[in-house]
Amino acid sequence: SVSILLFGYFIPALSSVKAVVHKDIEAYHQWSTYWLILHLYTTILSPFLHLTLHPLFQLLAILWLSLPRYQGAAVVYDRIVVPWVNKYEEQVDDTIDVAHRGARRWVLAKLKTII
């Protein structure tokens, strides 16, 4: 809906640009956190958990996440993301390293067949 695009993407995007232009570290942190949480919801939680909320609830959730008064994104980040990262950071880093090595081997093998 238009309100979700406006309050979920357009206004936060403008606010993010303003934070960068004005070198406002606090606002930059707030909007970086917002974008991270929004991205996690839209790419990970929504498809896997099939969370389809009524547009009114989506709008309320976006407002809670984005409004500086509530800073819901910071709440989600501090209470969920940070503890998860602290618990699984080493395993995630190891998995990323394995994926990088595998991708590199695959690319090099493809290049050898081309050359």
Foldseek 3Di string as FASTA:
>chain_A
DVLCCVLQPVVLVVQCVVCVVVVPVVSVVLSVLLVVVVCCCVPPVCVVVVDDDDPVVSSVVSCCCRPPVNVVSVVCCVPPVVVVCVVCVVVVVVVVVVVVVVVVVVVVVVVVVVD
